[in-house]
Protein backbone atom coordinates (compact mmCIF):
# COMPACT_ATOMS: atom_id res chain seq x y z
CA MET A 1 54.11 76.68 101.38
CA PHE A 2 55.09 73.80 103.77
CA ARG A 3 57.88 72.33 101.10
CA VAL A 4 59.30 75.99 101.18
CA ALA A 5 59.15 76.10 104.46
CA LYS A 6 60.71 72.36 104.98
CA PHE A 7 63.50 73.27 102.53
CA LEU A 8 64.36 76.18 104.06
CA LEU A 9 64.65 74.91 107.38
CA THR A 10 66.91 72.20 106.30
CA ILE A 11 69.32 74.79 104.93
CA VAL A 12 69.36 76.44 107.98
CA LEU A 13 70.11 72.86 109.77
CA GLY A 14 72.33 71.72 107.12
CA PHE A 15 74.40 75.38 108.65
CA ILE A 16 74.25 74.98 111.46
CA ALA A 17 75.93 71.14 111.52
CA LEU A 18 78.69 72.09 109.04
CA SER A 19 79.54 75.57 110.99
CA LEU A 20 79.62 73.04 114.45
CA ILE A 21 82.26 70.58 112.78
CA PRO A 22 84.82 73.34 112.52
CA VAL A 23 83.96 74.56 115.94
CA LEU A 24 84.70 71.53 117.54
CA ILE A 25 87.59 70.36 115.96
CA TYR A 26 89.68 73.35 116.60
CA ARG A 27 88.36 73.18 120.10
CA PHE A 28 90.77 71.00 120.75
CA ALA A 29 93.11 70.58 117.43
CA PRO A 30 95.59 73.36 116.10
CA VAL A 31 94.18 75.59 113.37
CA PRO A 32 96.56 74.11 110.32
CA VAL A 33 95.66 77.23 107.98
CA THR A 34 93.45 80.36 107.14
CA LEU A 35 91.94 81.95 104.31
CA THR A 36 93.55 84.86 105.20
CA MET A 37 96.65 82.91 104.58
CA LEU A 38 95.93 80.80 101.66
CA MET A 39 94.68 84.26 100.24
CA ASP A 40 98.42 86.02 101.55
CA GLU A 41 100.79 86.51 98.19
CA HIS A 42 103.32 86.38 100.55
CA GLY A 43 102.51 83.41 101.59
CA TRP A 44 102.86 82.34 105.18
CA THR A 45 105.15 81.57 108.17
CA LYS A 46 103.38 80.10 111.47
CA ASP A 47 104.70 78.43 114.21
CA TRP A 48 101.51 77.22 116.67
CA GLU A 49 102.41 77.44 120.27
CA PRO A 50 100.19 76.15 123.41
CA LEU A 51 99.24 79.50 125.35
CA SER A 52 101.19 78.10 128.47
CA ASN A 53 104.73 78.91 125.68
CA ILE A 54 103.31 82.25 125.17
CA ASP A 55 104.40 85.31 127.89
CA ARG A 56 101.63 85.84 130.03
CA ASP A 57 102.56 90.17 129.05
CA LEU A 58 101.72 89.23 125.50
CA VAL A 59 98.16 88.27 126.65
CA ARG A 60 97.88 91.30 128.90
CA ALA A 61 99.48 93.47 125.95
CA VAL A 62 96.57 92.51 123.15
CA ILE A 63 93.84 92.77 125.66
CA ALA A 64 95.15 96.19 126.91
CA ALA A 65 95.69 96.99 122.66
CA GLU A 66 92.65 95.23 121.44
CA ASP A 67 89.74 94.32 124.28
CA GLY A 68 89.96 95.72 127.47
CA LYS A 69 86.32 94.15 128.25
CA PHE A 70 87.29 90.88 127.01
CA CYS A 71 86.89 88.63 130.11
CA GLN A 72 83.82 90.83 130.39
CA HIS A 73 81.84 90.57 127.39
CA ASN A 74 79.94 87.50 125.92
CA GLY A 75 81.94 88.08 122.61
CA PHE A 76 80.65 91.50 121.92
CA ASP A 77 80.89 94.71 123.34
CA THR A 78 77.55 96.57 122.81
CA GLU A 79 79.23 99.33 123.67
CA ALA A 80 81.61 100.17 121.74
CA ILE A 81 79.54 98.97 118.92
CA GLY A 82 76.72 101.56 120.01
CA GLN A 83 79.52 104.41 119.80
CA ALA A 84 80.64 103.28 116.13
CA ILE A 85 77.16 103.14 114.79
CA GLU A 86 76.81 106.59 116.61
CA GLU A 87 80.16 107.86 114.47
CA ARG A 88 79.11 106.43 111.58
CA LEU A 89 75.56 108.28 111.20
CA ALA A 90 77.65 111.25 112.41
CA GLY A 91 79.71 110.78 109.63
CA GLU A 92 82.53 110.72 111.81
CA ARG A 93 85.61 108.37 111.39
CA GLU A 94 84.41 105.25 112.80
CA ARG A 95 86.44 103.69 115.40
CA GLY A 96 86.98 99.08 115.34
CA ALA A 97 84.20 97.42 117.75
CA SER A 98 85.47 93.99 117.25
CA THR A 99 86.36 91.95 120.08
CA ILE A 100 89.48 89.33 120.07
CA SER A 101 86.57 87.32 120.03
CA GLN A 102 84.87 88.24 117.06
CA GLN A 103 88.45 88.72 115.32
CA THR A 104 89.47 85.51 115.92
CA ALA A 105 85.66 83.82 114.12
CA LYS A 106 86.68 86.09 111.34
CA ASN A 107 90.67 85.03 111.08
CA VAL A 108 89.87 81.23 111.54
CA PHE A 109 86.67 80.76 109.52
CA LEU A 110 85.79 83.66 107.07
CA TRP A 111 87.74 86.32 105.35
CA GLN A 112 89.05 89.55 105.50
CA GLY A 113 87.10 92.60 104.39
CA GLY A 114 83.59 94.13 105.22
CA GLY A 115 79.95 93.66 104.45
CA PHE A 116 77.00 92.75 106.47
CA PHE A 117 76.99 88.64 104.96
CA ARG A 118 80.34 88.45 106.70
CA LYS A 119 79.24 90.04 109.50
CA GLY A 120 76.46 87.98 110.43
CA LEU A 121 78.93 85.05 109.69
CA GLU A 122 80.87 86.43 111.97
CA ALA A 123 78.74 86.89 114.52
CA TRP A 124 77.63 83.57 114.49
CA PHE A 125 80.94 81.88 114.72
CA THR A 126 81.49 84.11 117.45
CA PHE A 127 78.54 83.09 119.59
CA LEU A 128 79.51 79.57 118.85
CA ILE A 129 83.23 79.87 120.16
CA GLU A 130 81.98 81.95 123.12
CA HIS A 131 79.84 78.55 124.27
CA LEU A 132 82.01 76.32 123.06
CA TRP A 133 85.57 77.47 123.60
CA GLY A 134 85.75 79.61 126.68
CA LYS A 135 88.40 82.53 126.82
CA ARG A 136 91.47 80.90 127.27
CA ARG A 137 90.94 78.49 124.03
CA ILE A 138 89.77 81.92 121.90
CA MET A 139 93.03 83.83 123.46
CA GLU A 140 95.30 80.51 122.43
CA VAL A 141 93.65 80.59 118.95
CA TYR A 142 93.52 84.27 118.05
CA LEU A 143 97.47 84.26 119.52
CA ASN A 144 98.24 81.81 117.00
CA VAL A 145 96.28 83.01 113.74
CA ALA A 146 96.57 86.89 114.02
CA GLU A 147 98.94 88.25 111.28
CA THR A 148 102.10 89.76 112.76
CA GLY A 149 103.72 90.92 109.74
CA ILE A 150 104.49 90.45 106.29
CA GLY A 151 103.55 86.64 105.78
CA THR A 152 103.77 85.90 109.33
CA TYR A 153 101.49 85.14 111.74
CA GLY A 154 101.02 84.26 115.24
CA ALA A 155 102.71 84.98 118.40
CA GLU A 156 106.18 82.48 117.63
CA ALA A 157 106.27 83.70 114.56
CA GLY A 158 106.34 87.11 115.15
CA ALA A 159 108.84 86.89 118.01
CA GLN A 160 111.03 84.79 116.09
CA ARG A 161 110.75 87.29 113.05
CA TYR A 162 111.47 90.44 115.32
CA PHE A 163 113.15 89.72 118.63
CA ASN A 164 115.28 86.44 117.81
CA LYS A 165 113.22 84.96 121.02
CA SER A 166 109.95 82.35 121.92
CA ALA A 167 107.14 84.07 122.26
CA ALA A 168 107.44 82.59 125.77
CA SER A 169 110.24 85.14 127.25
CA LEU A 170 109.02 88.20 125.68
CA SER A 171 109.88 91.46 127.60
CA PRO A 172 106.35 93.50 128.41
CA ALA A 173 108.29 96.53 126.02
CA GLU A 174 108.83 93.20 123.32
CA ALA A 175 104.84 92.47 123.99
CA ALA A 176 103.52 95.87 123.50
CA ARG A 177 105.56 96.14 120.26
CA LEU A 178 103.85 93.23 119.13
CA ALA A 179 100.46 93.96 119.79
CA ALA A 180 100.93 97.52 118.63
CA ILE A 181 101.30 96.69 115.01
CA LEU A 182 98.23 93.50 115.33
CA PRO A 183 95.64 96.57 113.75
CA SER A 184 97.73 96.91 110.66
CA PRO A 185 100.91 94.58 110.30
CA LYS A 186 101.61 94.72 107.18
CA THR A 187 102.20 98.33 107.37
CA ARG A 188 103.52 99.42 110.97
CA ALA A 189 107.20 98.52 112.40
CA VAL A 190 107.61 96.45 115.60
CA VAL A 191 111.48 97.24 115.07
CA ASN A 192 112.53 100.73 115.27
CA PRO A 193 108.74 101.94 115.15
CA GLY A 194 108.01 105.52 113.44
CA GLY A 195 106.34 107.99 116.31
CA PHE A 196 102.65 106.92 116.31
CA THR A 197 103.25 103.01 116.37
CA ARG A 198 106.21 104.10 119.07
CA ARG A 199 103.52 105.85 121.22
CA TYR A 200 100.80 103.53 120.94
CA GLY A 201 103.63 100.87 122.24
CA ASN A 202 104.05 102.75 125.47
CA THR A 203 100.52 103.00 126.09
CA ILE A 204 100.30 99.37 126.02
CA ALA A 205 103.60 98.52 127.67
CA ALA A 206 101.85 101.18 130.46
CA ARG A 207 98.45 99.05 130.13
CA ILE A 208 99.84 96.04 130.88
CA GLY A 209 100.51 96.80 134.42
CA VAL A 210 96.87 97.52 134.98
CA VAL A 211 95.55 94.76 133.18
CA ARG A 212 97.77 92.74 135.38
CA ARG A 213 96.57 94.65 138.72
CA ASP A 214 92.67 94.64 138.07
CA GLY A 215 92.68 91.53 136.78
CA LEU A 216 91.77 91.65 133.46
CA ASP A 217 93.38 88.46 132.29
CA ALA A 218 91.58 86.26 134.84
CA CYS A 219 89.46 84.50 132.76
CA VAL A 220 92.47 83.59 130.51
CA TYR A 221 93.84 81.75 133.34
CA SER A 222 91.43 80.41 135.90
């Protein structure tokens, strides 16, 4: 039993050490590529930009669209998770409960798809980046690795593809339209969007003002 316990402890400590290495590296260095990019049959186009070169309205737009409590939670929105569990038990359509922090952890260190094993790893990496990166870095990485179209990753590549301009100079409407496709970037259109995406983009554009007024992006710029 002692040998088994020692072996298991070695495995656990080894995993912790190995997982800390990339987290610490990406605390400062740009993420060069992700598994999602490598597995994309369309290849990938990306252009890393520091957060200072990304329009603040895009930050507000993704907070409004993806995670209104980004500056309040520690990586996990427990209320949203509870609602998702209730909906699953009731057999209803389950809404997304992943925070921007969780999505960043998944996009950078893991693969797409579900499963309890991947979810467990996602929770671990979310814990690490919340404590070792901080909110500003999480947002910066998220906006540089999120899929923004077929074979397109990051805010800069998305802005250039759809609007022929830098992510630093997006209008509120453009930022909202880019944020509106994030849940399904391969099927939703930024240019001449359909009914749902157009309405959703308009809703996000209105919420940008709420994020600004209520300081819901304060943790990113403090």
